[in-house]
Amino acid sequence: MDQSKILKFYKSQGSVTLKDSNKKKITLLNPSKWSKEMGTDWIYLLFDLFQIRTIATQFSEVTLDLVEYASKPTIYHTAPNFLAEKGPVENDLIKFALIRAPEWESLLFKISQPVLAKLDSDKDIDFSLDIFFPLYSTNLKEIFLGPEGEIKILKN
């Protein structure tokens, strides 16, 4: 993955559409560029646990541990904080994923802010990659996280 070219494109355009090694498309979007017309099926991608505070309401320590030590790719559904309420909220919840795959984590680190991602994007491809995007895993889980420590498995 040529991260420098992808990063430069993303910074200049505000978004980039990538095709992973399984021919699946994903669009990465600067959250400030999102509009209601784009729909609500977007996921915040995070590279660091502390970024959760920028998009979600506060969690208990146990809930944070669940996110930090998850062994499989997971999409979390939770209540947004006041900043994320201006983004893609569906049924009063946002979705986020903590990305641990080294190449993707490194790209997100270089972007240095939460990024919105749309899976199975219909946009034209800007870059093709020879690596797999973790949220296309067959082991993907979806979990609801409540601010009071509630946890509910939505998709196992």
Protein backbone atom coordinates (compact mmCIF):
# COMPACT_ATOMS: atom_id res chain seq x y z
CA MET A 1 0.00 0.00 0.00
CA ASP A 2 1.46 3.34 -1.01
CA GLN A 3 0.26 5.29 2.00
CA SER A 4 1.85 8.57 0.97
CA LYS A 5 -0.11 8.71 -2.31
CA ILE A 6 -3.35 7.67 -0.62
CA LEU A 7 -2.83 10.19 2.18
CA LYS A 8 -2.06 13.02 -0.25
CA PHE A 9 -5.17 12.18 -2.31
CA TYR A 10 -7.36 11.95 0.81
CA LYS A 11 -6.10 15.27 2.18
CA SER A 12 -6.63 17.08 -1.14
CA GLN A 13 -10.04 15.57 -1.99
CA GLY A 14 -11.51 14.90 1.45
CA SER A 15 -12.16 11.28 0.48
CA VAL A 16 -10.59 8.31 -1.25
CA THR A 17 -12.07 5.06 -2.59
CA LEU A 18 -9.95 1.95 -2.31
CA LYS A 19 -10.31 -1.60 -3.61
CA ASP A 20 -8.82 -4.24 -1.32
CA SER A 21 -7.24 -7.57 -2.29
CA ASN A 22 -10.68 -9.25 -2.33
CA LYS A 23 -11.98 -6.69 -4.84
CA LYS A 24 -14.16 -5.05 -2.18
CA LYS A 25 -14.51 -1.28 -2.27
CA ILE A 26 -14.35 1.09 0.67
CA THR A 27 -14.63 4.85 0.68
CA LEU A 28 -12.81 6.81 3.38
CA LEU A 29 -14.31 10.24 4.04
CA ASN A 30 -13.31 13.19 6.18
CA PRO A 31 -16.23 13.50 8.65
CA SER A 32 -16.52 17.22 7.92
CA LYS A 33 -17.39 16.34 4.30
CA TRP A 34 -20.32 14.06 5.23
CA SER A 35 -23.87 15.24 4.47
CA LYS A 36 -27.30 13.70 5.13
CA GLU A 37 -27.69 12.96 1.42
CA MET A 38 -24.81 10.47 1.74
CA GLY A 39 -26.87 8.22 4.01
CA THR A 40 -26.22 6.85 7.47
CA ASP A 41 -24.47 3.57 6.65
CA TRP A 42 -21.02 4.89 7.54
CA ILE A 43 -18.61 3.62 10.19
CA TYR A 44 -16.10 5.73 12.10
CA LEU A 45 -12.66 4.13 11.81
CA LEU A 46 -10.32 4.66 14.74
CA PHE A 47 -6.65 3.77 15.16
CA ASP A 48 -6.48 4.43 18.92
CA LEU A 49 -8.77 3.66 21.83
CA PHE A 50 -8.68 7.26 23.05
CA GLN A 51 -10.31 8.45 19.82
CA ILE A 52 -13.60 6.97 21.05
CA ARG A 53 -14.01 10.05 23.25
CA THR A 54 -14.18 12.26 20.16
CA ILE A 55 -17.25 10.49 18.74
CA ALA A 56 -19.07 8.60 21.52
CA THR A 57 -20.52 9.15 24.95
CA GLN A 58 -18.33 8.07 27.85
CA PHE A 59 -18.03 4.32 28.57
CA SER A 60 -17.25 2.30 31.66
CA GLU A 61 -13.74 0.86 32.02
CA VAL A 62 -15.07 -2.66 31.41
CA THR A 63 -16.62 -1.54 28.13
CA LEU A 64 -13.38 0.10 27.04
CA ASP A 65 -11.52 -3.13 27.85
CA LEU A 66 -13.95 -5.04 25.62
CA VAL A 67 -13.08 -2.74 22.71
CA GLU A 68 -9.35 -2.73 23.43
CA TYR A 69 -8.95 -6.49 23.73
CA ALA A 70 -11.34 -7.66 21.00
CA SER A 71 -9.62 -10.39 19.03
CA LYS A 72 -11.82 -10.23 15.92
CA PRO A 73 -12.83 -7.30 13.71
CA THR A 74 -15.84 -5.67 15.35
CA ILE A 75 -18.25 -2.87 14.52
CA TYR A 76 -19.62 -1.20 17.64
CA HIS A 77 -22.95 0.62 17.83
CA THR A 78 -23.21 3.31 20.51
CA ALA A 79 -24.65 6.70 21.40
CA PRO A 80 -22.83 9.64 19.80
CA ASN A 81 -21.38 12.57 21.68
CA PHE A 82 -22.32 16.11 20.70
CA LEU A 83 -19.71 16.26 17.90
CA ALA A 84 -20.73 13.01 16.21
CA GLU A 85 -24.42 13.91 16.37
CA LYS A 86 -23.80 16.00 13.25
CA GLY A 87 -22.59 12.87 11.42
CA PRO A 88 -24.19 9.63 10.25
CA VAL A 89 -26.51 8.74 13.15
CA GLU A 90 -28.99 5.91 12.63
CA ASN A 91 -31.58 5.01 15.29
CA ASP A 92 -29.79 7.44 17.64
CA LEU A 93 -26.56 5.42 17.32
CA ILE A 94 -23.25 5.72 15.50
CA LYS A 95 -21.02 2.86 14.37
CA PHE A 96 -17.30 2.65 14.91
CA ALA A 97 -14.46 0.16 14.60
CA LEU A 98 -11.01 0.14 16.13
CA ILE A 99 -8.71 -0.96 13.30
CA ARG A 100 -5.73 -3.09 14.37
CA ALA A 101 -4.45 -4.41 11.01
CA PRO A 102 -0.98 -2.81 10.82
CA GLU A 103 -1.17 -1.26 7.33
CA TRP A 104 -4.64 0.16 7.88
CA GLU A 105 -3.86 1.32 11.40
CA SER A 106 -0.79 3.12 10.07
CA LEU A 107 -2.81 4.88 7.35
CA LEU A 108 -5.41 6.00 9.90
CA PHE A 109 -2.64 7.19 12.22
CA LYS A 110 -1.22 9.33 9.42
CA ILE A 111 -4.66 10.83 8.75
CA SER A 112 -4.67 11.56 12.50
CA GLN A 113 -8.41 11.88 13.07
CA PRO A 114 -11.42 9.56 13.01
CA VAL A 115 -12.40 8.75 9.44
CA LEU A 116 -15.79 7.74 8.08
CA ALA A 117 -15.85 4.58 6.01
CA LYS A 118 -18.51 3.24 3.67
CA LEU A 119 -18.24 -0.45 2.87
CA ASP A 120 -19.27 -1.68 -0.58
CA SER A 121 -18.99 1.84 -1.92
CA ASP A 122 -20.41 2.67 -5.34
CA LYS A 123 -17.74 5.32 -6.01
CA ASP A 124 -15.06 4.97 -8.68
CA ILE A 125 -11.84 3.44 -7.39
CA ASP A 126 -8.91 5.76 -6.74
CA PHE A 127 -6.41 3.08 -5.64
CA SER A 128 -6.24 -0.72 -5.76
CA LEU A 129 -4.49 -2.45 -2.88
CA ASP A 130 -2.94 -5.85 -2.36
CA ILE A 131 -4.11 -6.10 1.26
CA PHE A 132 -7.38 -7.15 2.84
CA PHE A 133 -9.62 -4.67 4.69
CA PRO A 134 -10.46 -6.20 8.11
CA LEU A 135 -14.13 -5.19 8.22
CA TYR A 136 -14.80 -7.52 5.27
CA SER A 137 -13.80 -10.50 7.44
CA THR A 138 -16.19 -13.44 7.71
CA ASN A 139 -15.48 -13.30 11.48
CA LEU A 140 -16.86 -9.74 11.75
CA LYS A 141 -18.90 -9.07 14.89
CA GLU A 142 -21.31 -6.26 15.68
CA ILE A 143 -21.89 -5.23 19.29
CA PHE A 144 -24.02 -2.57 20.97
CA LEU A 145 -22.26 -0.65 23.77
CA GLY A 146 -24.38 1.38 26.17
CA PRO A 147 -23.12 4.25 28.30
CA GLU A 148 -24.15 2.41 31.47
CA GLY A 149 -22.05 -0.64 30.60
CA GLU A 150 -24.74 -2.49 28.64
CA ILE A 151 -23.38 -4.87 26.03
CA LYS A 152 -25.45 -6.69 23.45
CA ILE A 153 -24.15 -8.86 20.62
CA LEU A 154 -25.92 -7.85 17.41
CA LYS A 155 -24.06 -10.09 14.96
CA ASN A 156 -21.79 -12.91 15.97
